[in-house]
């Protein structure tokens, strides 16, 4: 079950989710989607590797693995310009700070662009820990099918703002493409797995 308070610990894998408050949208234009991904790379890649993602008009999903403790400590000392002290500076808090900076920074830019005020995202970033192999497989499929699940498109791979196309492409990507393909055994087996039926959900995405 999703939890708002599970700490983001080194070497652990998480499915993260957040949505806009009320009937608001997170993304109104292609530029919004692209800027969100740019800020994600800027803030998240220093502390976590990204398996895949899905951005929908009013919410997003992200599958990440927090980097090794030594890597995060090095980044902490570089960014904070002080020596790391485990008693004073919990790593999980520092990691969560990067996610907060990402979402807060995007919200400020969004508010400025659309002359709006107030919160854009729900207060807490939901997260579920990947505890077993089947969890990882389930979250990968859940994220890639999300646009179909919500009726935005009819087949996986059509929606531009998830990681599926990048995983199948030969173009450079910041995603853990090779690990995902290896996880399914081959690119062909990954595609075959994603060809299974997707249950549609009747939900208003404010399209």
C-alpha atoms as a PDB file:
ATOM      1  CA  UNK A   1       0.000   0.000   0.000  1.00  0.00           C
ATOM      2  CA  UNK A   2       1.220   3.557  -0.684  1.00  0.00           C
ATOM      3  CA  UNK A   3       2.610   5.358   2.335  1.00  0.00           C
ATOM      4  CA  UNK A   4       3.303   9.046   2.813  1.00  0.00           C
ATOM      5  CA  UNK A   5       6.071   8.575   5.351  1.00  0.00           C
ATOM      6  CA  UNK A   6       8.237   5.652   4.196  1.00  0.00           C
ATOM      7  CA  UNK A   7      11.828   6.990   4.207  1.00  0.00           C
ATOM      8  CA  UNK A   8      13.685   7.064   0.893  1.00  0.00           C
ATOM      9  CA  UNK A   9      16.704   4.922   1.771  1.00  0.00           C
ATOM     10  CA  UNK A  10      19.873   4.214  -0.225  1.00  0.00           C
ATOM     11  CA  UNK A  11      19.738   1.247  -2.625  1.00  0.00           C
ATOM     12  CA  UNK A  12      15.959   0.841  -2.222  1.00  0.00           C
ATOM     13  CA  UNK A  13      13.481   0.962  -5.113  1.00  0.00           C
ATOM     14  CA  UNK A  14      10.240   2.961  -4.876  1.00  0.00           C
ATOM     15  CA  UNK A  15       7.131   3.701  -6.852  1.00  0.00           C
ATOM     16  CA  UNK A  16       6.303   7.385  -6.305  1.00  0.00           C
ATOM     17  CA  UNK A  17       3.041   9.131  -7.063  1.00  0.00           C
ATOM     18  CA  UNK A  18       1.565  12.594  -6.703  1.00  0.00           C
ATOM     19  CA  UNK A  19      -1.301  14.521  -8.213  1.00  0.00           C
ATOM     20  CA  UNK A  20      -2.642  18.036  -8.538  1.00  0.00           C
ATOM     21  CA  UNK A  21      -4.973  19.358  -5.874  1.00  0.00           C
ATOM     22  CA  UNK A  22      -8.677  19.343  -6.623  1.00  0.00           C
ATOM     23  CA  UNK A  23      -9.490  19.627 -10.309  1.00  0.00           C
ATOM     24  CA  UNK A  24      -6.247  21.404 -11.214  1.00  0.00           C
ATOM     25  CA  UNK A  25      -3.915  20.247 -13.964  1.00  0.00           C
ATOM     26  CA  UNK A  26      -0.176  19.748 -13.567  1.00  0.00           C
ATOM     27  CA  UNK A  27       0.451  20.076 -17.299  1.00  0.00           C
ATOM     28  CA  UNK A  28      -1.362  22.259 -19.832  1.00  0.00           C
ATOM     29  CA  UNK A  29       1.132  22.348 -22.692  1.00  0.00           C
ATOM     30  CA  UNK A  30       3.985  20.284 -24.105  1.00  0.00           C
ATOM     31  CA  UNK A  31       6.382  22.824 -22.639  1.00  0.00           C
ATOM     32  CA  UNK A  32       5.017  22.045 -19.161  1.00  0.00           C
ATOM     33  CA  UNK A  33       5.753  18.339 -19.597  1.00  0.00           C
ATOM     34  CA  UNK A  34       9.238  19.016 -20.923  1.00  0.00           C
ATOM     35  CA  UNK A  35      10.086  21.460 -18.147  1.00  0.00           C
ATOM     36  CA  UNK A  36       8.873  19.010 -15.500  1.00  0.00           C
ATOM     37  CA  UNK A  37      11.179  16.319 -16.926  1.00  0.00           C
ATOM     38  CA  UNK A  38      14.075  18.780 -17.107  1.00  0.00           C
ATOM     39  CA  UNK A  39      13.642  19.708 -13.444  1.00  0.00           C
ATOM     40  CA  UNK A  40      13.259  16.035 -12.543  1.00  0.00           C
ATOM     41  CA  UNK A  41      16.617  15.236 -14.096  1.00  0.00           C
ATOM     42  CA  UNK A  42      18.213  18.252 -12.426  1.00  0.00           C
ATOM     43  CA  UNK A  43      17.054  17.452  -8.897  1.00  0.00           C
ATOM     44  CA  UNK A  44      16.532  13.693  -8.823  1.00  0.00           C
ATOM     45  CA  UNK A  45      19.393  12.172 -10.822  1.00  0.00           C
ATOM     46  CA  UNK A  46      22.021  13.258  -8.276  1.00  0.00           C
ATOM     47  CA  UNK A  47      20.320  11.089  -5.620  1.00  0.00           C
ATOM     48  CA  UNK A  48      18.379   8.438  -7.546  1.00  0.00           C
ATOM     49  CA  UNK A  49      18.383   6.447 -10.768  1.00  0.00           C
ATOM     50  CA  UNK A  50      15.150   6.448 -12.757  1.00  0.00           C
ATOM     51  CA  UNK A  51      13.714   3.235 -14.177  1.00  0.00           C
ATOM     52  CA  UNK A  52      10.705   4.839 -15.833  1.00  0.00           C
ATOM     53  CA  UNK A  53       7.904   7.382 -15.419  1.00  0.00           C
ATOM     54  CA  UNK A  54       4.471   8.452 -16.630  1.00  0.00           C
ATOM     55  CA  UNK A  55       3.147  12.017 -16.696  1.00  0.00           C
ATOM     56  CA  UNK A  56      -0.592  12.512 -17.107  1.00  0.00           C
ATOM     57  CA  UNK A  57      -2.489  15.819 -17.102  1.00  0.00           C
ATOM     58  CA  UNK A  58      -3.253  15.771 -13.382  1.00  0.00           C
ATOM     59  CA  UNK A  59      -0.787  13.275 -11.873  1.00  0.00           C
ATOM     60  CA  UNK A  60       2.505  11.463 -12.329  1.00  0.00           C
ATOM     61  CA  UNK A  61       4.156   8.133 -11.512  1.00  0.00           C
ATOM     62  CA  UNK A  62       7.860   7.510 -11.069  1.00  0.00           C
ATOM     63  CA  UNK A  63       9.893   4.333 -10.466  1.00  0.00           C
ATOM     64  CA  UNK A  64      13.282   5.067  -8.957  1.00  0.00           C
ATOM     65  CA  UNK A  65      16.181   3.493  -7.082  1.00  0.00           C
ATOM     66  CA  UNK A  66      17.904   5.641  -4.496  1.00  0.00           C
ATOM     67  CA  UNK A  67      21.646   5.721  -5.106  1.00  0.00           C
ATOM     68  CA  UNK A  68      24.293   4.202  -2.854  1.00  0.00           C
ATOM     69  CA  UNK A  69      24.959   5.857   0.491  1.00  0.00           C
ATOM     70  CA  UNK A  70      28.493   6.971  -0.409  1.00  0.00           C
ATOM     71  CA  UNK A  71      27.260   8.679  -3.571  1.00  0.00           C
ATOM     72  CA  UNK A  72      24.557  10.566  -1.685  1.00  0.00           C
ATOM     73  CA  UNK A  73      26.975  11.610   1.039  1.00  0.00           C
ATOM     74  CA  UNK A  74      29.352  13.013  -1.588  1.00  0.00           C
ATOM     75  CA  UNK A  75      26.518  14.951  -3.176  1.00  0.00           C
ATOM     76  CA  UNK A  76      25.361  16.192   0.228  1.00  0.00           C
ATOM     77  CA  UNK A  77      28.822  17.558   1.023  1.00  0.00           C
ATOM     78  CA  UNK A  78      29.096  19.161  -2.409  1.00  0.00           C
ATOM     79  CA  UNK A  79      25.698  20.819  -2.205  1.00  0.00           C
ATOM     80  CA  UNK A  80      25.686  21.759   1.478  1.00  0.00           C
ATOM     81  CA  UNK A  81      29.386  22.667   1.584  1.00  0.00           C
ATOM     82  CA  UNK A  82      29.841  20.942   4.916  1.00  0.00           C
ATOM     83  CA  UNK A  83      30.941  17.573   6.257  1.00  0.00           C
ATOM     84  CA  UNK A  84      28.233  14.949   6.493  1.00  0.00           C
ATOM     85  CA  UNK A  85      27.203  13.961  10.020  1.00  0.00           C
ATOM     86  CA  UNK A  86      24.797  11.021  10.225  1.00  0.00           C
ATOM     87  CA  UNK A  87      23.489  12.068  13.654  1.00  0.00           C
ATOM     88  CA  UNK A  88      22.667  15.571  12.441  1.00  0.00           C
ATOM     89  CA  UNK A  89      21.879  15.009   8.770  1.00  0.00           C
ATOM     90  CA  UNK A  90      19.696  11.943   8.084  1.00  0.00           C
ATOM     91  CA  UNK A  91      20.271  10.839   4.498  1.00  0.00           C
ATOM     92  CA  UNK A  92      16.580  10.094   3.959  1.00  0.00           C
ATOM     93  CA  UNK A  93      15.732  13.697   4.837  1.00  0.00           C
ATOM     94  CA  UNK A  94      18.300  14.998   2.376  1.00  0.00           C
ATOM     95  CA  UNK A  95      16.974  12.745  -0.378  1.00  0.00           C
ATOM     96  CA  UNK A  96      13.407  13.852   0.322  1.00  0.00           C
ATOM     97  CA  UNK A  97      14.585  17.455   0.189  1.00  0.00           C
ATOM     98  CA  UNK A  98      15.650  16.951  -3.433  1.00  0.00           C
ATOM     99  CA  UNK A  99      12.204  15.655  -4.351  1.00  0.00           C
ATOM    100  CA  UNK A 100      10.582  18.579  -2.556  1.00  0.00           C
ATOM    101  CA  UNK A 101      12.852  21.037  -4.353  1.00  0.00           C
ATOM    102  CA  UNK A 102      11.862  19.476  -7.674  1.00  0.00           C
ATOM    103  CA  UNK A 103       8.117  19.712  -7.109  1.00  0.00           C
ATOM    104  CA  UNK A 104       8.235  23.100  -5.390  1.00  0.00           C
ATOM    105  CA  UNK A 105      10.398  24.550  -8.150  1.00  0.00           C
ATOM    106  CA  UNK A 106       8.041  23.299 -10.824  1.00  0.00           C
ATOM    107  CA  UNK A 107       4.995  24.606  -8.941  1.00  0.00           C
ATOM    108  CA  UNK A 108       6.533  28.086  -8.632  1.00  0.00           C
ATOM    109  CA  UNK A 109       7.315  28.212 -12.353  1.00  0.00           C
ATOM    110  CA  UNK A 110       3.827  26.905 -13.200  1.00  0.00           C
ATOM    111  CA  UNK A 111       2.168  29.494 -10.962  1.00  0.00           C
ATOM    112  CA  UNK A 112       4.201  32.277 -12.519  1.00  0.00           C
ATOM    113  CA  UNK A 113       3.396  31.122 -16.056  1.00  0.00           C
ATOM    114  CA  UNK A 114      -0.348  30.905 -15.422  1.00  0.00           C
ATOM    115  CA  UNK A 115      -0.661  33.745 -12.911  1.00  0.00           C
ATOM    116  CA  UNK A 116      -2.008  31.457 -10.200  1.00  0.00           C
ATOM    117  CA  UNK A 117      -1.300  31.205  -6.474  1.00  0.00           C
ATOM    118  CA  UNK A 118      -1.205  28.473  -3.882  1.00  0.00           C
ATOM    119  CA  UNK A 119      -0.303  24.804  -3.801  1.00  0.00           C
ATOM    120  CA  UNK A 120      -0.278  22.771  -6.986  1.00  0.00           C
ATOM    121  CA  UNK A 121       0.497  19.281  -5.654  1.00  0.00           C
ATOM    122  CA  UNK A 122      -1.035  17.342  -2.783  1.00  0.00           C
ATOM    123  CA  UNK A 123       0.921  17.780   0.424  1.00  0.00           C
ATOM    124  CA  UNK A 124       2.632  14.399   0.464  1.00  0.00           C
ATOM    125  CA  UNK A 125       4.511  12.358  -2.096  1.00  0.00           C
ATOM    126  CA  UNK A 126       3.026   8.866  -1.946  1.00  0.00           C
ATOM    127  CA  UNK A 127       5.579   6.088  -2.100  1.00  0.00           C
ATOM    128  CA  UNK A 128       5.507   2.277  -2.175  1.00  0.00           C
ATOM    129  CA  UNK A 129       8.609   0.191  -1.540  1.00  0.00           C
ATOM    130  CA  UNK A 130       9.534  -2.490  -4.062  1.00  0.00           C
ATOM    131  CA  UNK A 131      10.008  -5.458  -1.739  1.00  0.00           C
ATOM    132  CA  UNK A 132      10.036  -8.407  -4.152  1.00  0.00           C
ATOM    133  CA  UNK A 133      10.626  -9.151  -7.825  1.00  0.00           C
ATOM    134  CA  UNK A 134       6.928  -9.237  -8.667  1.00  0.00           C
ATOM    135  CA  UNK A 135       6.533  -5.714  -7.251  1.00  0.00           C
ATOM    136  CA  UNK A 136       9.061  -4.336  -9.720  1.00  0.00           C
ATOM    137  CA  UNK A 137       7.396  -6.033 -12.676  1.00  0.00           C
ATOM    138  CA  UNK A 138       3.954  -4.857 -11.563  1.00  0.00           C
ATOM    139  CA  UNK A 139       5.029  -1.236 -11.118  1.00  0.00           C
ATOM    140  CA  UNK A 140       6.781  -1.127 -14.495  1.00  0.00           C
ATOM    141  CA  UNK A 141       3.648  -2.344 -16.247  1.00  0.00           C
ATOM    142  CA  UNK A 142       1.350  -0.159 -14.152  1.00  0.00           C
ATOM    143  CA  UNK A 143       3.322   2.960 -15.049  1.00  0.00           C
ATOM    144  CA  UNK A 144       3.585   2.169 -18.751  1.00  0.00           C
ATOM    145  CA  UNK A 145      -0.110   1.293 -19.056  1.00  0.00           C
ATOM    146  CA  UNK A 146      -1.269   4.382 -17.166  1.00  0.00           C
ATOM    147  CA  UNK A 147      -2.195   6.498 -20.166  1.00  0.00           C
ATOM    148  CA  UNK A 148      -4.207   3.590 -21.607  1.00  0.00           C
ATOM    149  CA  UNK A 149      -5.729   2.828 -18.205  1.00  0.00           C
ATOM    150  CA  UNK A 150      -7.078   6.392 -18.057  1.00  0.00           C
ATOM    151  CA  UNK A 151      -8.302   6.433 -21.656  1.00  0.00           C
ATOM    152  CA  UNK A 152      -5.785   8.919 -23.059  1.00  0.00           C
ATOM    153  CA  UNK A 153      -4.632   6.485 -25.750  1.00  0.00           C
ATOM    154  CA  UNK A 154      -5.505   2.969 -26.867  1.00  0.00           C
ATOM    155  CA  UNK A 155      -2.154   1.172 -26.734  1.00  0.00           C
ATOM    156  CA  UNK A 156       1.004   1.286 -24.649  1.00  0.00           C
ATOM    157  CA  UNK A 157       3.775   3.191 -26.398  1.00  0.00           C
ATOM    158  CA  UNK A 158       1.599   5.871 -27.988  1.00  0.00           C
ATOM    159  CA  UNK A 159       1.629   8.387 -25.119  1.00  0.00           C
ATOM    160  CA  UNK A 160       4.630  10.705 -25.462  1.00  0.00           C
ATOM    161  CA  UNK A 161       5.112  11.428 -21.792  1.00  0.00           C
ATOM    162  CA  UNK A 162       6.120   8.126 -20.295  1.00  0.00           C
ATOM    163  CA  UNK A 163       9.339   6.157 -20.440  1.00  0.00           C
ATOM    164  CA  UNK A 164       8.230   3.263 -22.641  1.00  0.00           C
ATOM    165  CA  UNK A 165       9.335   4.715 -25.980  1.00  0.00           C
ATOM    166  CA  UNK A 166      12.703   5.744 -24.549  1.00  0.00           C
ATOM    167  CA  UNK A 167      13.297   2.210 -23.281  1.00  0.00           C
ATOM    168  CA  UNK A 168      12.659   0.708 -26.712  1.00  0.00           C
ATOM    169  CA  UNK A 169      14.568   3.421 -28.549  1.00  0.00           C
ATOM    170  CA  UNK A 170      18.276   3.438 -29.370  1.00  0.00           C
ATOM    171  CA  UNK A 171      18.526   7.146 -28.629  1.00  0.00           C
ATOM    172  CA  UNK A 172      20.402   8.315 -25.505  1.00  0.00           C
ATOM    173  CA  UNK A 173      18.282   8.230 -22.364  1.00  0.00           C
ATOM    174  CA  UNK A 174      18.673   9.025 -18.676  1.00  0.00           C
ATOM    175  CA  UNK A 175      16.527   6.009 -17.780  1.00  0.00           C
ATOM    176  CA  UNK A 176      17.883   2.635 -16.678  1.00  0.00           C
ATOM    177  CA  UNK A 177      17.093   1.194 -20.099  1.00  0.00           C
ATOM    178  CA  UNK A 178      19.563  -1.710 -20.083  1.00  0.00           C
ATOM    179  CA  UNK A 179      18.470  -2.855 -16.620  1.00  0.00           C
ATOM    180  CA  UNK A 180      14.802  -2.832 -17.594  1.00  0.00           C
ATOM    181  CA  UNK A 181      15.399  -4.791 -20.782  1.00  0.00           C
ATOM    182  CA  UNK A 182      17.567  -7.284 -18.894  1.00  0.00           C
ATOM    183  CA  UNK A 183      14.852  -7.582 -16.246  1.00  0.00           C
ATOM    184  CA  UNK A 184      12.430  -8.951 -18.844  1.00  0.00           C
ATOM    185  CA  UNK A 185      15.124 -10.996 -20.604  1.00  0.00           C
ATOM    186  CA  UNK A 186      15.152  -9.124 -23.911  1.00  0.00           C
ATOM    187  CA  UNK A 187      13.514  -6.196 -25.679  1.00  0.00           C
ATOM    188  CA  UNK A 188      11.182  -8.621 -27.445  1.00  0.00           C
ATOM    189  CA  UNK A 189      10.040 -10.175 -24.160  1.00  0.00           C
ATOM    190  CA  UNK A 190       9.526  -6.712 -22.651  1.00  0.00           C
ATOM    191  CA  UNK A 191       7.268  -5.767 -25.573  1.00  0.00           C
ATOM    192  CA  UNK A 192       5.409  -9.071 -25.346  1.00  0.00           C
ATOM    193  CA  UNK A 193       4.737  -8.538 -21.638  1.00  0.00           C
ATOM    194  CA  UNK A 194       3.375  -5.063 -22.330  1.00  0.00           C
ATOM    195  CA  UNK A 195       1.005  -6.406 -24.987  1.00  0.00           C
ATOM    196  CA  UNK A 196      -1.291  -7.905 -22.353  1.00  0.00           C
ATOM    197  CA  UNK A 197      -4.781  -6.362 -22.005  1.00  0.00           C
ATOM    198  CA  UNK A 198      -5.166  -3.132 -20.027  1.00  0.00           C
ATOM    199  CA  UNK A 199      -8.218  -2.546 -17.865  1.00  0.00           C
ATOM    200  CA  UNK A 200      -9.751   0.872 -18.488  1.00  0.00           C
ATOM    201  CA  UNK A 201     -10.604   3.175 -15.603  1.00  0.00           C
ATOM    202  CA  UNK A 202     -13.408   5.696 -15.776  1.00  0.00           C
ATOM    203  CA  UNK A 203     -11.754   8.803 -14.367  1.00  0.00           C
ATOM    204  CA  UNK A 204     -11.845  12.482 -15.216  1.00  0.00           C
ATOM    205  CA  UNK A 205      -8.337  13.677 -16.068  1.00  0.00           C
ATOM    206  CA  UNK A 206      -9.512  17.192 -17.007  1.00  0.00           C
ATOM    207  CA  UNK A 207      -8.227  16.724 -20.551  1.00  0.00           C
END
